[in-house]
Amino acid sequence: MATIRCPPITEAALRVPSPVGTRNRLRVGVMGGTFDPIHHGHLVAASEVASVFKLDEVIFVPTGEPWQKAKSRVSAAEHRYLMTVIATAANPRFTVSRVDIDRPGPTFTIDTLRDLHNARPDADLFFITGADAMSQIMSWKDSDELWDLAHFVGVTRPGHVLDDRGRTDVSLLEVPAMAISSTDCRKRVAEQNPVWYLVPDGVVQYIAKYGLYVQPGTDASAGIVPVTKENRMSK
């Protein structure tokens, strides 16, 4: 397998330049995603980037209508938003934004960053994205403007090939927990297999409560409700 082009994160990358005349600007991470469902890989990646880049805050931004998944079945935006709120509630550095959900039409990263840039003029933005998305970034809408709005941090699982395209405004970071995927979590629920410890406990309960990802006629709690002495004896 080819070696990952994952250059060391330099001091220059950690100190994203601020506009002339400003000091003590906030450093804010932006983690966009479908979050269908949000899992521990997302949370560990956000925490790791926040630590490495000394971020003051990480904003999770669930997509409204993901343009690249127009032909795929995606859970309702409110479900994905609420699961993200539940998953991030325990970390005071994490917040959740509705900016993409409340904006009509397909969700594009350029619109997300423009809106957050206008809402947070006091902050330098760090856009956190996965390996698959980073490899496709040049095909995104108005990609040339993206680099002016944020420093990009690509998170990848160990052993995954990812190219920084020679840009100095892109940093690459390996995060072992990124081996977890939302696709696998949905599949496990559909097959009545447990997703405990892959997604936060509150999200497991939310999935069961609303019957997300299950096949019609399937018990939504199968594989989700933990086996205890009491419910084992009741079977």
C-alpha atoms as a PDB file:
ATOM      1  CA  MET A   1       0.000   0.000   0.000  1.00  0.00           C
ATOM      2  CA  ALA A   2       1.243   3.490  -0.784  1.00  0.00           C
ATOM      3  CA  THR A   3       2.479   5.649   2.044  1.00  0.00           C
ATOM      4  CA  ILE A   4       0.215   8.392   3.321  1.00  0.00           C
ATOM      5  CA  ARG A   5       1.348  11.869   2.461  1.00  0.00           C
ATOM      6  CA  CYS A   6       0.714  13.138   5.963  1.00  0.00           C
ATOM      7  CA  PRO A   7       3.353  15.790   6.677  1.00  0.00           C
ATOM      8  CA  PRO A   8       4.130  16.835  10.257  1.00  0.00           C
ATOM      9  CA  ILE A   9       1.829  19.543  11.576  1.00  0.00           C
ATOM     10  CA  THR A  10       4.039  22.590  11.727  1.00  0.00           C
ATOM     11  CA  GLU A  11       3.936  25.570  14.055  1.00  0.00           C
ATOM     12  CA  ALA A  12       2.790  27.651  11.085  1.00  0.00           C
ATOM     13  CA  ALA A  13      -0.220  25.395  10.630  1.00  0.00           C
ATOM     14  CA  LEU A  14      -1.079  25.711  14.306  1.00  0.00           C
ATOM     15  CA  ARG A  15      -0.911  29.499  14.094  1.00  0.00           C
ATOM     16  CA  VAL A  16      -3.332  30.384  11.325  1.00  0.00           C
ATOM     17  CA  PRO A  17      -2.703  34.045  10.471  1.00  0.00           C
ATOM     18  CA  SER A  18      -5.289  36.533  11.679  1.00  0.00           C
ATOM     19  CA  PRO A  19      -6.255  39.655   9.723  1.00  0.00           C
ATOM     20  CA  VAL A  20      -4.027  42.660  10.233  1.00  0.00           C
ATOM     21  CA  GLY A  21      -4.888  44.654  13.320  1.00  0.00           C
ATOM     22  CA  THR A  22      -6.612  41.850  15.228  1.00  0.00           C
ATOM     23  CA  ARG A  23      -5.398  39.892  18.232  1.00  0.00           C
ATOM     24  CA  ASN A  24      -6.682  37.137  20.446  1.00  0.00           C
ATOM     25  CA  ARG A  25      -9.081  35.830  17.838  1.00  0.00           C
ATOM     26  CA  LEU A  26     -11.057  32.712  18.675  1.00  0.00           C
ATOM     27  CA  ARG A  27     -10.081  29.461  17.023  1.00  0.00           C
ATOM     28  CA  VAL A  28     -13.231  27.606  16.033  1.00  0.00           C
ATOM     29  CA  GLY A  29     -13.493  24.166  14.496  1.00  0.00           C
ATOM     30  CA  VAL A  30     -16.318  23.399  12.092  1.00  0.00           C
ATOM     31  CA  MET A  31     -17.252  19.746  11.729  1.00  0.00           C
ATOM     32  CA  GLY A  32     -19.837  19.247   9.034  1.00  0.00           C
ATOM     33  CA  GLY A  33     -21.401  15.919   8.220  1.00  0.00           C
ATOM     34  CA  THR A  34     -24.574  13.987   7.651  1.00  0.00           C
ATOM     35  CA  PHE A  35     -24.260  12.409  11.126  1.00  0.00           C
ATOM     36  CA  ASP A  36     -26.612   9.576  10.226  1.00  0.00           C
ATOM     37  CA  PRO A  37     -25.878   8.593  12.954  1.00  0.00           C
ATOM     38  CA  ILE A  38     -23.128  10.528  14.688  1.00  0.00           C
ATOM     39  CA  HIS A  39     -20.622   8.097  16.217  1.00  0.00           C
ATOM     40  CA  HIS A  40     -17.577   8.048  18.460  1.00  0.00           C
ATOM     41  CA  GLY A  41     -15.265   8.455  15.474  1.00  0.00           C
ATOM     42  CA  HIS A  42     -16.720  11.931  14.859  1.00  0.00           C
ATOM     43  CA  LEU A  43     -16.377  12.865  18.516  1.00  0.00           C
ATOM     44  CA  VAL A  44     -12.824  11.581  18.915  1.00  0.00           C
ATOM     45  CA  ALA A  45     -11.766  13.334  15.697  1.00  0.00           C
ATOM     46  CA  ALA A  46     -13.233  16.643  16.871  1.00  0.00           C
ATOM     47  CA  SER A  47     -11.624  16.279  20.289  1.00  0.00           C
ATOM     48  CA  GLU A  48      -8.238  15.405  18.804  1.00  0.00           C
ATOM     49  CA  VAL A  49      -8.277  18.320  16.353  1.00  0.00           C
ATOM     50  CA  ALA A  50      -9.375  20.669  19.142  1.00  0.00           C
ATOM     51  CA  SER A  51      -6.421  19.534  21.228  1.00  0.00           C
ATOM     52  CA  VAL A  52      -3.793  19.646  18.468  1.00  0.00           C
ATOM     53  CA  PHE A  53      -4.905  23.008  17.058  1.00  0.00           C
ATOM     54  CA  LYS A  54      -5.824  24.542  20.438  1.00  0.00           C
ATOM     55  CA  LEU A  55      -9.391  25.291  19.385  1.00  0.00           C
ATOM     56  CA  ASP A  56     -11.703  27.244  21.664  1.00  0.00           C
ATOM     57  CA  GLU A  57     -14.822  25.585  20.277  1.00  0.00           C
ATOM     58  CA  VAL A  58     -15.933  22.965  17.778  1.00  0.00           C
ATOM     59  CA  ILE A  59     -19.239  23.546  15.999  1.00  0.00           C
ATOM     60  CA  PHE A  60     -20.946  20.423  14.670  1.00  0.00           C
ATOM     61  CA  VAL A  61     -23.040  21.243  11.606  1.00  0.00           C
ATOM     62  CA  PRO A  62     -25.454  18.510  10.468  1.00  0.00           C
ATOM     63  CA  THR A  63     -26.197  18.832   6.764  1.00  0.00           C
ATOM     64  CA  GLY A  64     -29.674  19.778   5.671  1.00  0.00           C
ATOM     65  CA  GLU A  65     -29.908  18.171   2.238  1.00  0.00           C
ATOM     66  CA  PRO A  66     -26.495  16.639   1.409  1.00  0.00           C
ATOM     67  CA  TRP A  67     -25.988  17.297  -2.303  1.00  0.00           C
ATOM     68  CA  GLN A  68     -23.626  14.337  -2.762  1.00  0.00           C
ATOM     69  CA  LYS A  69     -26.240  11.973  -1.299  1.00  0.00           C
ATOM     70  CA  ALA A  70     -29.230  13.220  -3.274  1.00  0.00           C
ATOM     71  CA  LYS A  71     -29.997   9.691  -4.491  1.00  0.00           C
ATOM     72  CA  SER A  72     -29.416   8.043  -1.112  1.00  0.00           C
ATOM     73  CA  ARG A  73     -31.861   7.577   1.715  1.00  0.00           C
ATOM     74  CA  VAL A  74     -30.980   9.954   4.542  1.00  0.00           C
ATOM     75  CA  SER A  75     -32.755  10.252   7.880  1.00  0.00           C
ATOM     76  CA  ALA A  76     -34.800  13.368   8.558  1.00  0.00           C
ATOM     77  CA  ALA A  77     -32.678  16.403   9.390  1.00  0.00           C
ATOM     78  CA  GLU A  78     -34.329  16.864  12.794  1.00  0.00           C
ATOM     79  CA  HIS A  79     -33.413  13.311  13.831  1.00  0.00           C
ATOM     80  CA  ARG A  80     -29.797  13.857  12.798  1.00  0.00           C
ATOM     81  CA  TYR A  81     -29.684  17.243  14.521  1.00  0.00           C
ATOM     82  CA  LEU A  82     -31.081  15.895  17.786  1.00  0.00           C
ATOM     83  CA  MET A  83     -28.730  12.897  17.776  1.00  0.00           C
ATOM     84  CA  THR A  84     -25.836  15.335  17.355  1.00  0.00           C
ATOM     85  CA  VAL A  85     -27.078  17.481  20.246  1.00  0.00           C
ATOM     86  CA  ILE A  86     -27.332  14.386  22.466  1.00  0.00           C
ATOM     87  CA  ALA A  87     -23.871  13.143  21.460  1.00  0.00           C
ATOM     88  CA  THR A  88     -22.097  16.445  22.101  1.00  0.00           C
ATOM     89  CA  ALA A  89     -23.951  17.610  25.224  1.00  0.00           C
ATOM     90  CA  ALA A  90     -21.328  16.393  27.707  1.00  0.00           C
ATOM     91  CA  ASN A  91     -18.439  18.365  26.191  1.00  0.00           C
ATOM     92  CA  PRO A  92     -18.574  22.107  26.988  1.00  0.00           C
ATOM     93  CA  ARG A  93     -16.314  22.830  24.015  1.00  0.00           C
ATOM     94  CA  PHE A  94     -18.776  21.278  21.555  1.00  0.00           C
ATOM     95  CA  THR A  95     -21.806  23.101  20.144  1.00  0.00           C
ATOM     96  CA  VAL A  96     -24.290  22.265  17.389  1.00  0.00           C
ATOM     97  CA  SER A  97     -25.476  24.638  14.670  1.00  0.00           C
ATOM     98  CA  ARG A  98     -28.702  24.513  12.654  1.00  0.00           C
ATOM     99  CA  VAL A  99     -27.278  26.741   9.932  1.00  0.00           C
ATOM    100  CA  ASP A 100     -27.405  24.035   7.236  1.00  0.00           C
ATOM    101  CA  ILE A 101     -30.675  22.495   8.377  1.00  0.00           C
ATOM    102  CA  ASP A 102     -32.519  25.828   8.369  1.00  0.00           C
ATOM    103  CA  ARG A 103     -31.146  26.896   4.974  1.00  0.00           C
ATOM    104  CA  PRO A 104     -33.417  25.676   2.133  1.00  0.00           C
ATOM    105  CA  GLY A 105     -32.001  23.642  -0.732  1.00  0.00           C
ATOM    106  CA  PRO A 106     -28.978  21.358  -1.008  1.00  0.00           C
ATOM    107  CA  THR A 107     -26.167  21.827   1.522  1.00  0.00           C
ATOM    108  CA  PHE A 108     -22.810  22.993   0.172  1.00  0.00           C
ATOM    109  CA  THR A 109     -19.732  23.531   2.344  1.00  0.00           C
ATOM    110  CA  ILE A 110     -19.121  26.952   0.816  1.00  0.00           C
ATOM    111  CA  ASP A 111     -22.517  28.145   2.088  1.00  0.00           C
ATOM    112  CA  THR A 112     -21.812  26.694   5.540  1.00  0.00           C
ATOM    113  CA  LEU A 113     -18.492  28.508   5.811  1.00  0.00           C
ATOM    114  CA  ARG A 114     -19.860  31.771   4.432  1.00  0.00           C
ATOM    115  CA  ASP A 115     -22.679  31.770   6.982  1.00  0.00           C
ATOM    116  CA  LEU A 116     -20.404  30.888   9.900  1.00  0.00           C
ATOM    117  CA  HIS A 117     -17.762  33.378   8.752  1.00  0.00           C
ATOM    118  CA  ASN A 118     -20.409  36.128   8.754  1.00  0.00           C
ATOM    119  CA  ALA A 119     -21.827  34.999  12.100  1.00  0.00           C
ATOM    120  CA  ARG A 120     -18.402  34.708  13.750  1.00  0.00           C
ATOM    121  CA  PRO A 121     -16.220  37.481  12.302  1.00  0.00           C
ATOM    122  CA  ASP A 122     -14.098  37.294  15.452  1.00  0.00           C
ATOM    123  CA  ALA A 123     -12.977  33.738  14.752  1.00  0.00           C
ATOM    124  CA  ASP A 124     -10.535  31.816  12.586  1.00  0.00           C
ATOM    125  CA  LEU A 125     -12.307  28.739  11.240  1.00  0.00           C
ATOM    126  CA  PHE A 126     -10.846  25.243  10.981  1.00  0.00           C
ATOM    127  CA  PHE A 127     -12.958  22.981   8.790  1.00  0.00           C
ATOM    128  CA  ILE A 128     -12.700  19.346   9.897  1.00  0.00           C
ATOM    129  CA  THR A 129     -13.526  16.720   7.317  1.00  0.00           C
ATOM    130  CA  GLY A 130     -12.927  13.054   6.625  1.00  0.00           C
ATOM    131  CA  ALA A 131     -10.577  11.432   4.164  1.00  0.00           C
ATOM    132  CA  ASP A 132     -13.226  10.668   1.547  1.00  0.00           C
ATOM    133  CA  ALA A 133     -14.504  14.227   1.511  1.00  0.00           C
ATOM    134  CA  MET A 134     -11.006  15.712   1.434  1.00  0.00           C
ATOM    135  CA  SER A 135     -10.140  13.689  -1.658  1.00  0.00           C
ATOM    136  CA  GLN A 136     -13.132  15.189  -3.472  1.00  0.00           C
ATOM    137  CA  ILE A 137     -12.751  18.754  -2.273  1.00  0.00           C
ATOM    138  CA  MET A 138     -11.723  20.197  -5.637  1.00  0.00           C
ATOM    139  CA  SER A 139     -15.105  19.157  -7.055  1.00  0.00           C
ATOM    140  CA  TRP A 140     -17.022  21.079  -4.400  1.00  0.00           C
ATOM    141  CA  LYS A 141     -19.003  24.198  -5.233  1.00  0.00           C
ATOM    142  CA  ASP A 142     -16.826  27.356  -5.369  1.00  0.00           C
ATOM    143  CA  SER A 143     -13.851  25.356  -4.085  1.00  0.00           C
ATOM    144  CA  ASP A 144     -11.388  28.191  -4.755  1.00  0.00           C
ATOM    145  CA  GLU A 145     -13.105  30.365  -2.157  1.00  0.00           C
ATOM    146  CA  LEU A 146     -13.051  27.647   0.498  1.00  0.00           C
ATOM    147  CA  TRP A 147      -9.375  28.215   1.255  1.00  0.00           C
ATOM    148  CA  ASP A 148     -10.028  31.886   2.082  1.00  0.00           C
ATOM    149  CA  LEU A 149     -12.677  31.022   4.655  1.00  0.00           C
ATOM    150  CA  ALA A 150     -11.027  28.270   6.695  1.00  0.00           C
ATOM    151  CA  HIS A 151      -7.973  26.158   7.322  1.00  0.00           C
ATOM    152  CA  PHE A 152      -8.810  22.572   6.338  1.00  0.00           C
ATOM    153  CA  VAL A 153      -8.001  19.623   8.579  1.00  0.00           C
ATOM    154  CA  GLY A 154      -8.387  16.186   7.007  1.00  0.00           C
ATOM    155  CA  VAL A 155      -8.819  13.373   9.522  1.00  0.00           C
ATOM    156  CA  THR A 156      -8.086   9.848   8.399  1.00  0.00           C
ATOM    157  CA  ARG A 157      -7.810   6.398   9.892  1.00  0.00           C
ATOM    158  CA  PRO A 158      -4.302   4.886  10.056  1.00  0.00           C
ATOM    159  CA  GLY A 159      -3.272   3.241   6.794  1.00  0.00           C
ATOM    160  CA  HIS A 160      -5.651   5.245   4.606  1.00  0.00           C
ATOM    161  CA  VAL A 161      -3.989   6.991   1.673  1.00  0.00           C
ATOM    162  CA  LEU A 162      -4.678  10.716   1.638  1.00  0.00           C
ATOM    163  CA  ASP A 163      -2.904  13.452  -0.304  1.00  0.00           C
ATOM    164  CA  ASP A 164      -2.667  17.027   0.956  1.00  0.00           C
ATOM    165  CA  ARG A 165      -2.410  18.180  -2.702  1.00  0.00           C
ATOM    166  CA  GLY A 166       0.675  20.162  -1.789  1.00  0.00           C
ATOM    167  CA  ARG A 167      -1.327  22.901  -0.086  1.00  0.00           C
ATOM    168  CA  THR A 168       0.010  24.655   3.007  1.00  0.00           C
ATOM    169  CA  ASP A 169      -3.548  25.462   4.161  1.00  0.00           C
ATOM    170  CA  VAL A 170      -4.414  21.786   4.605  1.00  0.00           C
ATOM    171  CA  SER A 171      -3.339  19.666   7.587  1.00  0.00           C
ATOM    172  CA  LEU A 172      -3.727  15.896   7.824  1.00  0.00           C
ATOM    173  CA  LEU A 173      -4.265  14.059  11.088  1.00  0.00           C
ATOM    174  CA  GLU A 174      -4.569  10.320  11.757  1.00  0.00           C
ATOM    175  CA  VAL A 175      -7.359   9.344  14.150  1.00  0.00           C
ATOM    176  CA  PRO A 176      -7.751   5.603  14.899  1.00  0.00           C
ATOM    177  CA  ALA A 177     -11.441   5.924  15.817  1.00  0.00           C
ATOM    178  CA  MET A 178     -12.232   7.039  12.256  1.00  0.00           C
ATOM    179  CA  ALA A 179     -12.413   3.336  11.396  1.00  0.00           C
ATOM    180  CA  ILE A 180     -16.000   3.549  12.714  1.00  0.00           C
ATOM    181  CA  SER A 181     -18.480   4.529   9.993  1.00  0.00           C
ATOM    182  CA  SER A 182     -22.097   5.664   9.989  1.00  0.00           C
ATOM    183  CA  THR A 183     -22.796   3.224   7.158  1.00  0.00           C
ATOM    184  CA  ASP A 184     -21.669   0.289   9.296  1.00  0.00           C
ATOM    185  CA  CYS A 185     -23.706   1.546  12.251  1.00  0.00           C
ATOM    186  CA  ARG A 186     -26.867   1.743  10.141  1.00  0.00           C
ATOM    187  CA  LYS A 187     -26.207  -1.716   8.755  1.00  0.00           C
ATOM    188  CA  ARG A 188     -25.717  -3.171  12.223  1.00  0.00           C
ATOM    189  CA  VAL A 189     -29.017  -1.717  13.434  1.00  0.00           C
ATOM    190  CA  ALA A 190     -30.819  -3.012  10.326  1.00  0.00           C
ATOM    191  CA  GLU A 191     -29.381  -6.474  10.998  1.00  0.00           C
ATOM    192  CA  GLN A 192     -30.392  -6.259  14.681  1.00  0.00           C
ATOM    193  CA  ASN A 193     -26.780  -6.157  15.865  1.00  0.00           C
ATOM    194  CA  PRO A 194     -25.730  -3.870  18.755  1.00  0.00           C
ATOM    195  CA  VAL A 195     -24.158  -0.471  18.220  1.00  0.00           C
ATOM    196  CA  TRP A 196     -23.241   0.084  21.860  1.00  0.00           C
ATOM    197  CA  TYR A 197     -19.798   1.715  22.183  1.00  0.00           C
ATOM    198  CA  LEU A 198     -19.820   2.649  18.492  1.00  0.00           C
ATOM    199  CA  VAL A 199     -22.217   5.538  19.095  1.00  0.00           C
ATOM    200  CA  PRO A 200     -22.907   7.398  22.365  1.00  0.00           C
ATOM    201  CA  ASP A 201     -25.367   5.735  24.736  1.00  0.00           C
ATOM    202  CA  GLY A 202     -27.965   8.472  24.325  1.00  0.00           C
ATOM    203  CA  VAL A 203     -27.856   8.067  20.557  1.00  0.00           C
ATOM    204  CA  VAL A 204     -28.342   4.299  20.902  1.00  0.00           C
ATOM    205  CA  GLN A 205     -31.491   4.989  22.914  1.00  0.00           C
ATOM    206  CA  TYR A 206     -32.685   7.622  20.443  1.00  0.00           C
ATOM    207  CA  ILE A 207     -32.284   5.204  17.522  1.00  0.00           C
ATOM    208  CA  ALA A 208     -34.331   2.597  19.407  1.00  0.00           C
ATOM    209  CA  LYS A 209     -37.015   5.068  20.475  1.00  0.00           C
ATOM    210  CA  TYR A 210     -37.700   6.295  16.947  1.00  0.00           C
ATOM    211  CA  GLY A 211     -37.002   3.052  15.115  1.00  0.00           C
ATOM    212  CA  LEU A 212     -34.282   4.510  12.910  1.00  0.00           C
ATOM    213  CA  TYR A 213     -32.508   2.264  10.388  1.00  0.00           C
ATOM    214  CA  VAL A 214     -34.690  -0.791  11.052  1.00  0.00           C
ATOM    215  CA  GLN A 215     -36.450  -2.815   8.386  1.00  0.00           C
ATOM    216  CA  PRO A 216     -40.268  -2.571   8.285  1.00  0.00           C
ATOM    217  CA  GLY A 217     -41.824  -4.979  10.751  1.00  0.00           C
ATOM    218  CA  THR A 218     -38.603  -5.301  12.763  1.00  0.00           C
ATOM    219  CA  ASP A 219     -38.453  -4.732  16.512  1.00  0.00           C
ATOM    220  CA  ALA A 220     -36.693  -1.396  16.837  1.00  0.00           C
ATOM    221  CA  SER A 221     -35.147  -2.384  20.170  1.00  0.00           C
ATOM    222  CA  ALA A 222     -33.637  -5.649  18.921  1.00  0.00           C
ATOM    223  CA  GLY A 223     -29.884  -5.553  19.351  1.00  0.00           C
ATOM    224  CA  ILE A 224     -30.136  -2.221  21.147  1.00  0.00           C
ATOM    225  CA  VAL A 225     -31.778  -2.931  24.518  1.00  0.00           C
ATOM    226  CA  PRO A 226     -29.090  -4.513  26.716  1.00  0.00           C
ATOM    227  CA  VAL A 227     -29.745  -8.008  28.001  1.00  0.00           C
ATOM    228  CA  THR A 228     -30.342  -8.013  31.752  1.00  0.00           C
ATOM    229  CA  LYS A 229     -31.340 -10.715  34.193  1.00  0.00           C
ATOM    230  CA  GLU A 230     -34.884  -9.378  34.263  1.00  0.00           C
ATOM    231  CA  ASN A 231     -35.536  -9.178  30.515  1.00  0.00           C
ATOM    232  CA  ARG A 232     -33.694 -12.460  29.898  1.00  0.00           C
ATOM    233  CA  MET A 233     -36.087 -14.224  32.285  1.00  0.00           C
ATOM    234  CA  SER A 234     -39.111 -12.574  30.674  1.00  0.00           C
ATOM    235  CA  LYS A 235     -38.398 -14.158  27.284  1.00  0.00           C
END
